PDB file of N, CA and C in Angstrom:
ATOM      1  N   MET A   1      21.780 -15.307  41.524  1.00  0.00           N
ATOM      2  CA  MET A   1      21.265 -15.754  40.259  1.00  0.00           C
ATOM      3  C   MET A   1      20.658 -14.548  39.530  1.00  0.00           C
ATOM      4  N   ASN A   2      21.124 -14.291  38.311  1.00  0.00           N
ATOM      5  CA  ASN A   2      20.667 -13.163  37.517  1.00  0.00           C
ATOM      6  C   ASN A   2      19.781 -13.676  36.388  1.00  0.00           C
ATOM      7  N   LYS A   3      18.505 -13.416  36.490  1.00  0.00           N
ATOM      8  CA  LYS A   3      17.549 -13.867  35.481  1.00  0.00           C
ATOM      9  C   LYS A   3      16.988 -12.663  34.742  1.00  0.00           C
ATOM     10  N   THR A   4      16.943 -12.743  33.421  1.00  0.00           N
ATOM     11  CA  THR A   4      16.343 -11.682  32.627  1.00  0.00           C
ATOM     12  C   THR A   4      14.851 -11.951  32.510  1.00  0.00           C
ATOM     13  N   LEU A   5      14.057 -10.951  32.847  1.00  0.00           N
ATOM     14  CA  LEU A   5      12.609 -11.084  32.797  1.00  0.00           C
ATOM     15  C   LEU A   5      12.111 -10.727  31.402  1.00  0.00           C
ATOM     16  N   ASN A   6      11.380 -11.632  30.770  1.00  0.00           N
ATOM     17  CA  ASN A   6      10.792 -11.371  29.461  1.00  0.00           C
ATOM     18  C   ASN A   6       9.377 -10.852  29.676  1.00  0.00           C
ATOM     19  N   ARG A   7       9.145  -9.586  29.342  1.00  0.00           N
ATOM     20  CA  ARG A   7       7.837  -8.971  29.561  1.00  0.00           C
ATOM     21  C   ARG A   7       6.936  -9.040  28.339  1.00  0.00           C
ATOM     22  N   ARG A   8       7.388  -9.624  27.284  1.00  0.00           N
ATOM     23  CA  ARG A   8       6.588  -9.704  26.062  1.00  0.00           C
ATOM     24  C   ARG A   8       5.484 -10.751  26.217  1.00  0.00           C
ATOM     25  N   ARG A   9       4.320 -10.426  25.653  1.00  0.00           N
ATOM     26  CA  ARG A   9       3.198 -11.366  25.686  1.00  0.00           C
ATOM     27  C   ARG A   9       3.344 -12.460  24.644  1.00  0.00           C
ATOM     28  N   PHE A  10       4.037 -12.144  23.525  1.00  0.00           N
ATOM     29  CA  PHE A  10       4.157 -13.085  22.416  1.00  0.00           C
ATOM     30  C   PHE A  10       5.616 -13.227  22.008  1.00  0.00           C
ATOM     31  N   LYS A  11       5.960 -14.397  21.520  1.00  0.00           N
ATOM     32  CA  LYS A  11       7.313 -14.645  21.030  1.00  0.00           C
ATOM     33  C   LYS A  11       7.538 -13.871  19.732  1.00  0.00           C
ATOM     34  N   ARG A  12       8.701 -13.271  19.601  1.00  0.00           N
ATOM     35  CA  ARG A  12       9.046 -12.485  18.409  1.00  0.00           C
ATOM     36  C   ARG A  12       9.772 -13.345  17.390  1.00  0.00           C
ATOM     37  N   TYR A  13       9.465 -13.094  16.112  1.00  0.00           N
ATOM     38  CA  TYR A  13      10.165 -13.741  15.009  1.00  0.00           C
ATOM     39  C   TYR A  13      11.033 -12.688  14.347  1.00  0.00           C
ATOM     40  N   LYS A  14      12.341 -12.906  14.350  1.00  0.00           N
ATOM     41  CA  LYS A  14      13.279 -11.971  13.729  1.00  0.00           C
ATOM     42  C   LYS A  14      13.568 -12.440  12.310  1.00  0.00           C
ATOM     43  N   PHE A  15      13.370 -11.549  11.345  1.00  0.00           N
ATOM     44  CA  PHE A  15      13.625 -11.874   9.944  1.00  0.00           C
ATOM     45  C   PHE A  15      15.127 -11.897   9.670  1.00  0.00           C
ATOM     46  N   ASP A  16      15.561 -12.783   8.764  1.00  0.00           N
ATOM     47  CA  ASP A  16      16.975 -12.838   8.379  1.00  0.00           C
ATOM     48  C   ASP A  16      17.426 -11.515   7.772  1.00  0.00           C
ATOM     49  N   LYS A  17      16.576 -10.947   6.925  1.00  0.00           N
ATOM     50  CA  LYS A  17      16.810  -9.624   6.334  1.00  0.00           C
ATOM     51  C   LYS A  17      15.548  -8.804   6.563  1.00  0.00           C
ATOM     52  N   PRO A  18      15.677  -7.497   6.802  1.00  0.00           N
ATOM     53  CA  PRO A  18      14.465  -6.682   6.955  1.00  0.00           C
ATOM     54  C   PRO A  18      13.556  -6.810   5.732  1.00  0.00           C
ATOM     55  N   VAL A  19      12.255  -6.865   5.982  1.00  0.00           N
ATOM     56  CA  VAL A  19      11.254  -7.046   4.933  1.00  0.00           C
ATOM     57  C   VAL A  19      10.705  -5.677   4.529  1.00  0.00           C
ATOM     58  N   LYS A  20      10.899  -5.316   3.259  1.00  0.00           N
ATOM     59  CA  LYS A  20      10.396  -4.033   2.772  1.00  0.00           C
ATOM     60  C   LYS A  20       8.873  -4.070   2.717  1.00  0.00           C
ATOM     61  N   SER A  21       8.251  -3.058   3.306  1.00  0.00           N
ATOM     62  CA  SER A  21       6.800  -2.946   3.369  1.00  0.00           C
ATOM     63  C   SER A  21       6.437  -1.477   3.216  1.00  0.00           C
ATOM     64  N   SER A  22       5.170  -1.166   3.379  1.00  0.00           N
ATOM     65  CA  SER A  22       4.757   0.238   3.329  1.00  0.00           C
ATOM     66  C   SER A  22       3.810   0.541   4.480  1.00  0.00           C
ATOM     67  N   LEU A  23       3.801   1.805   4.874  1.00  0.00           N
ATOM     68  CA  LEU A  23       2.984   2.272   5.990  1.00  0.00           C
ATOM     69  C   LEU A  23       2.153   3.455   5.510  1.00  0.00           C
ATOM     70  N   GLU A  24       0.875   3.435   5.858  1.00  0.00           N
ATOM     71  CA  GLU A  24      -0.047   4.481   5.410  1.00  0.00           C
ATOM     72  C   GLU A  24      -0.905   4.939   6.581  1.00  0.00           C
ATOM     73  N   LEU A  25      -0.989   6.238   6.810  1.00  0.00           N
ATOM     74  CA  LEU A  25      -1.853   6.791   7.846  1.00  0.00           C
ATOM     75  C   LEU A  25      -3.296   6.725   7.368  1.00  0.00           C
ATOM     76  N   VAL A  26      -4.183   6.138   8.182  1.00  0.00           N
ATOM     77  CA  VAL A  26      -5.577   5.984   7.762  1.00  0.00           C
ATOM     78  C   VAL A  26      -6.563   6.728   8.656  1.00  0.00           C
ATOM     79  N   THR A  27      -6.128   7.276   9.766  1.00  0.00           N
ATOM     80  CA  THR A  27      -7.021   7.993  10.667  1.00  0.00           C
ATOM     81  C   THR A  27      -7.257   9.391  10.123  1.00  0.00           C
ATOM     82  N   ILE A  28      -8.437   9.622   9.585  1.00  0.00           N
ATOM     83  CA  ILE A  28      -8.765  10.901   8.956  1.00  0.00           C
ATOM     84  C   ILE A  28      -8.678  12.051   9.954  1.00  0.00           C
ATOM     85  N   SER A  29      -9.138  11.866  11.168  1.00  0.00           N
ATOM     86  CA  SER A  29      -9.157  12.948  12.152  1.00  0.00           C
ATOM     87  C   SER A  29      -7.753  13.407  12.532  1.00  0.00           C
ATOM     88  N   TYR A  30      -6.754  12.564  12.335  1.00  0.00           N
ATOM     89  CA  TYR A  30      -5.382  12.931  12.691  1.00  0.00           C
ATOM     90  C   TYR A  30      -4.678  13.616  11.524  1.00  0.00           C
ATOM     91  N   GLN A  31      -5.129  13.409  10.311  1.00  0.00           N
ATOM     92  CA  GLN A  31      -4.495  14.003   9.138  1.00  0.00           C
ATOM     93  C   GLN A  31      -4.833  15.486   9.076  1.00  0.00           C
ATOM     94  N   ASN A  32      -3.883  16.282   8.606  1.00  0.00           N
ATOM     95  CA  ASN A  32      -4.175  17.691   8.379  1.00  0.00           C
ATOM     96  C   ASN A  32      -3.734  18.065   6.982  1.00  0.00           C
ATOM     97  N   GLU A  33      -4.074  19.280   6.567  1.00  0.00           N
ATOM     98  CA  GLU A  33      -3.803  19.675   5.183  1.00  0.00           C
ATOM     99  C   GLU A  33      -2.317  19.756   4.859  1.00  0.00           C
ATOM    100  N   ASN A  34      -1.452  19.887   5.849  1.00  0.00           N
ATOM    101  CA  ASN A  34      -0.011  19.970   5.607  1.00  0.00           C
ATOM    102  C   ASN A  34       0.659  18.602   5.568  1.00  0.00           C
ATOM    103  N   GLN A  35      -0.069  17.582   5.930  1.00  0.00           N
ATOM    104  CA  GLN A  35       0.510  16.247   6.022  1.00  0.00           C
ATOM    105  C   GLN A  35       0.314  15.483   4.719  1.00  0.00           C
ATOM    106  N   ASN A  36       1.380  14.888   4.250  1.00  0.00           N
ATOM    107  CA  ASN A  36       1.321  14.096   3.030  1.00  0.00           C
ATOM    108  C   ASN A  36       0.774  12.713   3.377  1.00  0.00           C
ATOM    109  N   ILE A  37      -0.290  12.279   2.700  1.00  0.00           N
ATOM    110  CA  ILE A  37      -0.988  11.046   3.061  1.00  0.00           C
ATOM    111  C   ILE A  37      -0.455   9.828   2.308  1.00  0.00           C
ATOM    112  N   GLU A  38       0.472  10.008   1.404  1.00  0.00           N
ATOM    113  CA  GLU A  38       0.972   8.879   0.620  1.00  0.00           C
ATOM    114  C   GLU A  38       1.625   7.823   1.515  1.00  0.00           C
ATOM    115  N   THR A  39       1.762   6.628   0.982  1.00  0.00           N
ATOM    116  CA  THR A  39       2.400   5.553   1.737  1.00  0.00           C
ATOM    117  C   THR A  39       3.912   5.764   1.760  1.00  0.00           C
ATOM    118  N   LYS A  40       4.513   5.322   2.844  1.00  0.00           N
ATOM    119  CA  LYS A  40       5.953   5.464   3.032  1.00  0.00           C
ATOM    120  C   LYS A  40       6.577   4.079   3.170  1.00  0.00           C
ATOM    121  N   ASP A  41       7.794   3.926   2.664  1.00  0.00           N
ATOM    122  CA  ASP A  41       8.511   2.656   2.786  1.00  0.00           C
ATOM    123  C   ASP A  41       9.017   2.462   4.208  1.00  0.00           C
ATOM    124  N   ILE A  42       8.856   1.237   4.699  1.00  0.00           N
ATOM    125  CA  ILE A  42       9.410   0.838   5.990  1.00  0.00           C
ATOM    126  C   ILE A  42      10.083  -0.516   5.799  1.00  0.00           C
ATOM    127  N   TYR A  43      10.904  -0.899   6.778  1.00  0.00           N
ATOM    128  CA  TYR A  43      11.589  -2.192   6.748  1.00  0.00           C
ATOM    129  C   TYR A  43      11.318  -2.898   8.071  1.00  0.00           C
ATOM    130  N   ILE A  44      10.572  -3.994   8.002  1.00  0.00           N
ATOM    131  CA  ILE A  44      10.191  -4.732   9.205  1.00  0.00           C
ATOM    132  C   ILE A  44      11.350  -5.625   9.632  1.00  0.00           C
ATOM    133  N   VAL A  45      11.747  -5.472  10.896  1.00  0.00           N
ATOM    134  CA  VAL A  45      12.889  -6.196  11.457  1.00  0.00           C
ATOM    135  C   VAL A  45      12.435  -7.461  12.175  1.00  0.00           C
ATOM    136  N   ASP A  46      11.374  -7.344  12.975  1.00  0.00           N
ATOM    137  CA  ASP A  46      10.826  -8.518  13.652  1.00  0.00           C
ATOM    138  C   ASP A  46       9.330  -8.332  13.857  1.00  0.00           C
ATOM    139  N   MET A  47       8.681  -9.450  14.237  1.00  0.00           N
ATOM    140  CA  MET A  47       7.221  -9.455  14.288  1.00  0.00           C
ATOM    141  C   MET A  47       6.745 -10.489  15.298  1.00  0.00           C
ATOM    142  N   SER A  48       5.605 -10.209  15.927  1.00  0.00           N
ATOM    143  CA  SER A  48       4.973 -11.175  16.823  1.00  0.00           C
ATOM    144  C   SER A  48       3.466 -11.106  16.599  1.00  0.00           C
ATOM    145  N   ALA A  49       2.716 -11.849  17.384  1.00  0.00           N
ATOM    146  CA  ALA A  49       1.260 -11.814  17.268  1.00  0.00           C
ATOM    147  C   ALA A  49       0.689 -10.490  17.766  1.00  0.00           C
ATOM    148  N   GLY A  50       1.476  -9.725  18.516  1.00  0.00           N
ATOM    149  CA  GLY A  50       0.987  -8.469  19.068  1.00  0.00           C
ATOM    150  C   GLY A  50       1.452  -7.221  18.356  1.00  0.00           C
ATOM    151  N   GLY A  51       2.493  -7.343  17.539  1.00  0.00           N
ATOM    152  CA  GLY A  51       3.004  -6.150  16.868  1.00  0.00           C
ATOM    153  C   GLY A  51       4.251  -6.449  16.071  1.00  0.00           C
ATOM    154  N   LEU A  52       4.911  -5.377  15.656  1.00  0.00           N
ATOM    155  CA  LEU A  52       6.141  -5.530  14.883  1.00  0.00           C
ATOM    156  C   LEU A  52       7.090  -4.381  15.182  1.00  0.00           C
ATOM    157  N   ARG A  53       8.321  -4.559  14.772  1.00  0.00           N
ATOM    158  CA  ARG A  53       9.344  -3.524  14.888  1.00  0.00           C
ATOM    159  C   ARG A  53       9.809  -3.200  13.488  1.00  0.00           C
ATOM    160  N   PHE A  54       9.908  -1.903  13.175  1.00  0.00           N
ATOM    161  CA  PHE A  54      10.373  -1.515  11.850  1.00  0.00           C
ATOM    162  C   PHE A  54      11.318  -0.336  11.939  1.00  0.00           C
ATOM    163  N   VAL A  55      12.100  -0.154  10.880  1.00  0.00           N
ATOM    164  CA  VAL A  55      12.975   1.006  10.755  1.00  0.00           C
ATOM    165  C   VAL A  55      12.563   1.775   9.505  1.00  0.00           C
ATOM    166  N   SER A  56      12.837   3.079   9.540  1.00  0.00           N
ATOM    167  CA  SER A  56      12.477   3.935   8.416  1.00  0.00           C
ATOM    168  C   SER A  56      13.304   5.208   8.454  1.00  0.00           C
ATOM    169  N   LYS A  57      13.445   5.827   7.285  1.00  0.00           N
ATOM    170  CA  LYS A  57      14.070   7.145   7.204  1.00  0.00           C
ATOM    171  C   LYS A  57      13.064   8.241   7.547  1.00  0.00           C
ATOM    172  N   VAL A  58      11.787   7.900   7.531  1.00  0.00           N
ATOM    173  CA  VAL A  58      10.721   8.863   7.805  1.00  0.00           C
ATOM    174  C   VAL A  58      10.514   8.958   9.310  1.00  0.00           C
ATOM    175  N   GLU A  59      10.366  10.179   9.804  1.00  0.00           N
ATOM    176  CA  GLU A  59      10.090  10.368  11.226  1.00  0.00           C
ATOM    177  C   GLU A  59       8.580  10.456  11.431  1.00  0.00           C
ATOM    178  N   PHE A  60       8.010   9.396  11.994  1.00  0.00           N
ATOM    179  CA  PHE A  60       6.587   9.347  12.307  1.00  0.00           C
ATOM    180  C   PHE A  60       6.390   9.765  13.761  1.00  0.00           C
ATOM    181  N   ALA A  61       5.217  10.318  14.061  1.00  0.00           N
ATOM    182  CA  ALA A  61       4.902  10.712  15.431  1.00  0.00           C
ATOM    183  C   ALA A  61       4.386   9.508  16.215  1.00  0.00           C
ATOM    184  N   VAL A  62       4.695   9.480  17.505  1.00  0.00           N
ATOM    185  CA  VAL A  62       4.084   8.509  18.408  1.00  0.00           C
ATOM    186  C   VAL A  62       2.822   9.187  18.923  1.00  0.00           C
ATOM    187  N   ASN A  63       1.678   8.742  18.430  1.00  0.00           N
ATOM    188  CA  ASN A  63       0.407   9.353  18.774  1.00  0.00           C
ATOM    189  C   ASN A  63      -0.631   8.239  18.833  1.00  0.00           C
ATOM    190  N   PHE A  64      -1.228   8.054  19.992  1.00  0.00           N
ATOM    191  CA  PHE A  64      -2.144   6.936  20.181  1.00  0.00           C
ATOM    192  C   PHE A  64      -3.489   7.129  19.482  1.00  0.00           C
ATOM    193  N   LEU A  65      -3.703   8.299  18.857  1.00  0.00           N
ATOM    194  CA  LEU A  65      -4.918   8.521  18.075  1.00  0.00           C
ATOM    195  C   LEU A  65      -4.731   8.134  16.617  1.00  0.00           C
ATOM    196  N   ALA A  66      -3.500   8.050  16.179  1.00  0.00           N
ATOM    197  CA  ALA A  66      -3.199   7.781  14.770  1.00  0.00           C
ATOM    198  C   ALA A  66      -3.193   6.282  14.501  1.00  0.00           C
ATOM    199  N   ILE A  67      -4.006   5.858  13.538  1.00  0.00           N
ATOM    200  CA  ILE A  67      -4.052   4.456  13.115  1.00  0.00           C
ATOM    201  C   ILE A  67      -3.371   4.360  11.757  1.00  0.00           C
ATOM    202  N   TYR A  68      -2.471   3.389  11.639  1.00  0.00           N
ATOM    203  CA  TYR A  68      -1.730   3.169  10.398  1.00  0.00           C
ATOM    204  C   TYR A  68      -2.090   1.813   9.816  1.00  0.00           C
ATOM    205  N   LYS A  69      -1.897   1.707   8.504  1.00  0.00           N
ATOM    206  CA  LYS A  69      -2.088   0.443   7.795  1.00  0.00           C
ATOM    207  C   LYS A  69      -0.733   0.021   7.231  1.00  0.00           C
ATOM    208  N   VAL A  70      -0.315  -1.210   7.538  1.00  0.00           N
ATOM    209  CA  VAL A  70       0.929  -1.772   7.009  1.00  0.00           C
ATOM    210  C   VAL A  70       0.572  -2.743   5.896  1.00  0.00           C
ATOM    211  N   HIS A  71       1.202  -2.567   4.745  1.00  0.00           N
ATOM    212  CA  HIS A  71       1.058  -3.496   3.617  1.00  0.00           C
ATOM    213  C   HIS A  71       2.322  -4.344   3.590  1.00  0.00           C
ATOM    214  N   LEU A  72       2.165  -5.643   3.739  1.00  0.00           N
ATOM    215  CA  LEU A  72       3.291  -6.559   3.885  1.00  0.00           C
ATOM    216  C   LEU A  72       3.103  -7.737   2.938  1.00  0.00           C
ATOM    217  N   LYS A  73       4.177  -8.184   2.329  1.00  0.00           N
ATOM    218  CA  LYS A  73       4.113  -9.374   1.476  1.00  0.00           C
ATOM    219  C   LYS A  73       5.063 -10.422   2.056  1.00  0.00           C
ATOM    220  N   LEU A  74       4.489 -11.562   2.458  1.00  0.00           N
ATOM    221  CA  LEU A  74       5.258 -12.677   3.016  1.00  0.00           C
ATOM    222  C   LEU A  74       4.864 -13.956   2.294  1.00  0.00           C
ATOM    223  N   HIS A  75       5.845 -14.683   1.816  1.00  0.00           N
ATOM    224  CA  HIS A  75       5.598 -15.962   1.139  1.00  0.00           C
ATOM    225  C   HIS A  75       4.543 -15.817   0.035  1.00  0.00           C
ATOM    226  N   ASN A  76       4.694 -14.769  -0.773  1.00  0.00           N
ATOM    227  CA  ASN A  76       3.795 -14.481  -1.897  1.00  0.00           C
ATOM    228  C   ASN A  76       2.351 -14.215  -1.482  1.00  0.00           C
ATOM    229  N   ARG A  77       2.152 -13.774  -0.248  1.00  0.00           N
ATOM    230  CA  ARG A  77       0.818 -13.421   0.239  1.00  0.00           C
ATOM    231  C   ARG A  77       0.820 -11.967   0.683  1.00  0.00           C
ATOM    232  N   GLU A  78      -0.213 -11.247   0.259  1.00  0.00           N
ATOM    233  CA  GLU A  78      -0.390  -9.859   0.686  1.00  0.00           C
ATOM    234  C   GLU A  78      -1.083  -9.858   2.050  1.00  0.00           C
ATOM    235  N   ILE A  79      -0.506  -9.145   2.997  1.00  0.00           N
ATOM    236  CA  ILE A  79      -1.067  -9.046   4.340  1.00  0.00           C
ATOM    237  C   ILE A  79      -1.255  -7.570   4.658  1.00  0.00           C
ATOM    238  N   VAL A  80      -2.418  -7.223   5.195  1.00  0.00           N
ATOM    239  CA  VAL A  80      -2.689  -5.852   5.621  1.00  0.00           C
ATOM    240  C   VAL A  80      -2.930  -5.878   7.125  1.00  0.00           C
ATOM    241  N   LEU A  81      -2.183  -5.046   7.852  1.00  0.00           N
ATOM    242  CA  LEU A  81      -2.264  -4.999   9.307  1.00  0.00           C
ATOM    243  C   LEU A  81      -2.535  -3.565   9.751  1.00  0.00           C
ATOM    244  N   PHE A  82      -3.347  -3.404  10.777  1.00  0.00           N
ATOM    245  CA  PHE A  82      -3.648  -2.085  11.320  1.00  0.00           C
ATOM    246  C   PHE A  82      -3.052  -1.962  12.707  1.00  0.00           C
ATOM    247  N   GLY A  83      -2.637  -0.755  13.067  1.00  0.00           N
ATOM    248  CA  GLY A  83      -2.096  -0.567  14.395  1.00  0.00           C
ATOM    249  C   GLY A  83      -1.638   0.846  14.656  1.00  0.00           C
ATOM    250  N   LYS A  84      -0.932   0.994  15.781  1.00  0.00           N
ATOM    251  CA  LYS A  84      -0.457   2.292  16.250  1.00  0.00           C
ATOM    252  C   LYS A  84       1.039   2.229  16.509  1.00  0.00           C
ATOM    253  N   ILE A  85       1.704   3.335  16.261  1.00  0.00           N
ATOM    254  CA  ILE A  85       3.120   3.451  16.615  1.00  0.00           C
ATOM    255  C   ILE A  85       3.176   3.777  18.101  1.00  0.00           C
ATOM    256  N   VAL A  86       3.831   2.927  18.870  1.00  0.00           N
ATOM    257  CA  VAL A  86       3.869   3.094  20.325  1.00  0.00           C
ATOM    258  C   VAL A  86       5.253   3.446  20.849  1.00  0.00           C
ATOM    259  N   ARG A  87       6.263   3.371  19.991  1.00  0.00           N
ATOM    260  CA  ARG A  87       7.627   3.668  20.430  1.00  0.00           C
ATOM    261  C   ARG A  87       8.434   4.161  19.248  1.00  0.00           C
ATOM    262  N   LYS A  88       9.320   5.136  19.521  1.00  0.00           N
ATOM    263  CA  LYS A  88      10.224   5.656  18.489  1.00  0.00           C
ATOM    264  C   LYS A  88      11.587   5.886  19.126  1.00  0.00           C
ATOM    265  N   GLN A  89      12.635   5.482  18.409  1.00  0.00           N
ATOM    266  CA  GLN A  89      14.007   5.697  18.875  1.00  0.00           C
ATOM    267  C   GLN A  89      14.866   6.077  17.678  1.00  0.00           C
ATOM    268  N   LYS A  90      15.636   7.142  17.822  1.00  0.00           N
ATOM    269  CA  LYS A  90      16.540   7.541  16.745  1.00  0.00           C
ATOM    270  C   LYS A  90      17.745   6.609  16.767  1.00  0.00           C
ATOM    271  N   LEU A  91      18.070   6.028  15.613  1.00  0.00           N
ATOM    272  CA  LEU A  91      19.207   5.106  15.525  1.00  0.00           C
ATOM    273  C   LEU A  91      20.471   5.863  15.158  1.00  0.00           C
ATOM    274  N   VAL A  92      20.553   6.283  13.933  1.00  0.00           N
ATOM    275  CA  VAL A  92      21.661   7.090  13.431  1.00  0.00           C
ATOM    276  C   VAL A  92      21.030   8.205  12.607  1.00  0.00           C
ATOM    277  N   LYS A  93      21.839   9.071  12.103  1.00  0.00           N
ATOM    278  CA  LYS A  93      21.319  10.208  11.342  1.00  0.00           C
ATOM    279  C   LYS A  93      20.322   9.737  10.274  1.00  0.00           C
ATOM    280  N   HIS A  94      19.117  10.260  10.344  1.00  0.00           N
ATOM    281  CA  HIS A  94      18.043  10.005   9.376  1.00  0.00           C
ATOM    282  C   HIS A  94      17.446   8.595   9.438  1.00  0.00           C
ATOM    283  N   PHE A  95      17.683   7.825  10.473  1.00  0.00           N
ATOM    284  CA  PHE A  95      17.053   6.509  10.617  1.00  0.00           C
ATOM    285  C   PHE A  95      16.407   6.399  11.993  1.00  0.00           C
ATOM    286  N   PHE A  96      15.196   5.821  12.017  1.00  0.00           N
ATOM    287  CA  PHE A  96      14.445   5.672  13.254  1.00  0.00           C
ATOM    288  C   PHE A  96      13.968   4.229  13.400  1.00  0.00           C
ATOM    289  N   ASP A  97      13.892   3.776  14.644  1.00  0.00           N
ATOM    290  CA  ASP A  97      13.419   2.442  15.004  1.00  0.00           C
ATOM    291  C   ASP A  97      12.063   2.621  15.689  1.00  0.00           C
ATOM    292  N   TYR A  98      11.060   1.851  15.279  1.00  0.00           N
ATOM    293  CA  TYR A  98       9.702   2.016  15.793  1.00  0.00           C
ATOM    294  C   TYR A  98       9.132   0.712  16.336  1.00  0.00           C
ATOM    295  N   GLY A  99       8.287   0.852  17.348  1.00  0.00           N
ATOM    296  CA  GLY A  99       7.457  -0.233  17.829  1.00  0.00           C
ATOM    297  C   GLY A  99       6.036   0.011  17.351  1.00  0.00           C
ATOM    298  N   PHE A 100       5.396  -1.013  16.815  1.00  0.00           N
ATOM    299  CA  PHE A 100       4.062  -0.907  16.217  1.00  0.00           C
ATOM    300  C   PHE A 100       3.172  -1.971  16.844  1.00  0.00           C
ATOM    301  N   ARG A 101       2.100  -1.557  17.520  1.00  0.00           N
ATOM    302  CA  ARG A 101       1.176  -2.502  18.161  1.00  0.00           C
ATOM    303  C   ARG A 101      -0.054  -2.690  17.283  1.00  0.00           C
ATOM    304  N   PHE A 102      -0.394  -3.943  17.017  1.00  0.00           N
ATOM    305  CA  PHE A 102      -1.561  -4.237  16.191  1.00  0.00           C
ATOM    306  C   PHE A 102      -2.846  -3.819  16.903  1.00  0.00           C
ATOM    307  N   GLU A 103      -3.784  -3.302  16.117  1.00  0.00           N
ATOM    308  CA  GLU A 103      -5.126  -2.945  16.584  1.00  0.00           C
ATOM    309  C   GLU A 103      -6.094  -3.704  15.688  1.00  0.00           C
ATOM    310  N   PHE A 104      -6.740  -4.694  16.220  1.00  0.00           N
ATOM    311  CA  PHE A 104      -7.576  -5.574  15.408  1.00  0.00           C
ATOM    312  C   PHE A 104      -9.005  -5.068  15.222  1.00  0.00           C
ATOM    313  N   ASN A 105      -9.382  -3.988  15.870  1.00  0.00           N
ATOM    314  CA  ASN A 105     -10.749  -3.474  15.772  1.00  0.00           C
ATOM    315  C   ASN A 105     -10.953  -2.506  14.622  1.00  0.00           C
ATOM    316  N   TYR A 106      -9.906  -2.185  13.860  1.00  0.00           N
ATOM    317  CA  TYR A 106     -10.011  -1.145  12.847  1.00  0.00           C
ATOM    318  C   TYR A 106     -10.114  -1.667  11.422  1.00  0.00           C
ATOM    319  N   GLY A 107      -9.822  -2.901  11.175  1.00  0.00           N
ATOM    320  CA  GLY A 107      -9.763  -3.432   9.824  1.00  0.00           C
ATOM    321  C   GLY A 107     -11.022  -3.244   9.006  1.00  0.00           C
ATOM    322  N   GLU A 108     -12.179  -3.419   9.595  1.00  0.00           N
ATOM    323  CA  GLU A 108     -13.438  -3.303   8.861  1.00  0.00           C
ATOM    324  C   GLU A 108     -13.732  -1.861   8.451  1.00  0.00           C
ATOM    325  N   HIS A 109     -13.233  -0.892   9.204  1.00  0.00           N
ATOM    326  CA  HIS A 109     -13.535   0.514   8.942  1.00  0.00           C
ATOM    327  C   HIS A 109     -12.689   1.117   7.833  1.00  0.00           C
ATOM    328  N   PHE A 110     -11.509   0.548   7.563  1.00  0.00           N
ATOM    329  CA  PHE A 110     -10.556   1.176   6.655  1.00  0.00           C
ATOM    330  C   PHE A 110     -10.189   0.310   5.466  1.00  0.00           C
ATOM    331  N   LYS A 111     -11.062  -0.503   4.971  1.00  0.00           N
ATOM    332  CA  LYS A 111     -10.741  -1.374   3.827  1.00  0.00           C
ATOM    333  C   LYS A 111     -10.660  -0.601   2.547  1.00  0.00           C
TER     334      LYS A 111
END
C-alpha cells in the first residue's frame, strides 16, 4: 500500500488564476543602501492559514531575518500579511517560485 504523507499543517486553497499582489521588504536592519525598497509585483498561486506560494520575475533572497509585507486584494477587501520567504525555486528563465510563511508577531511594528 502506497500512501502519500501530507506534512502540511493547514489545507491549501489553490486560486483558479494567480492573484496579482505586491511584496515589500519591511525589515530595516536587512535593507542596505544598494537595495531598492520599492514594492514588487508578485502572483499568488495558493494560500493556507500558515502561508502562501507565489511566483515572480524578481529574485528575492531566502533570509530568515528579512520580514516582508504582502498587499493582497480578495473579494474587494485589502489584506496585509507579514512573513518570511522560506523557499525559492527557479522555474524557467527569469521566473521564480517562492514559499512564504506568515509571521503574526510583526503586524503592529510595521503599520
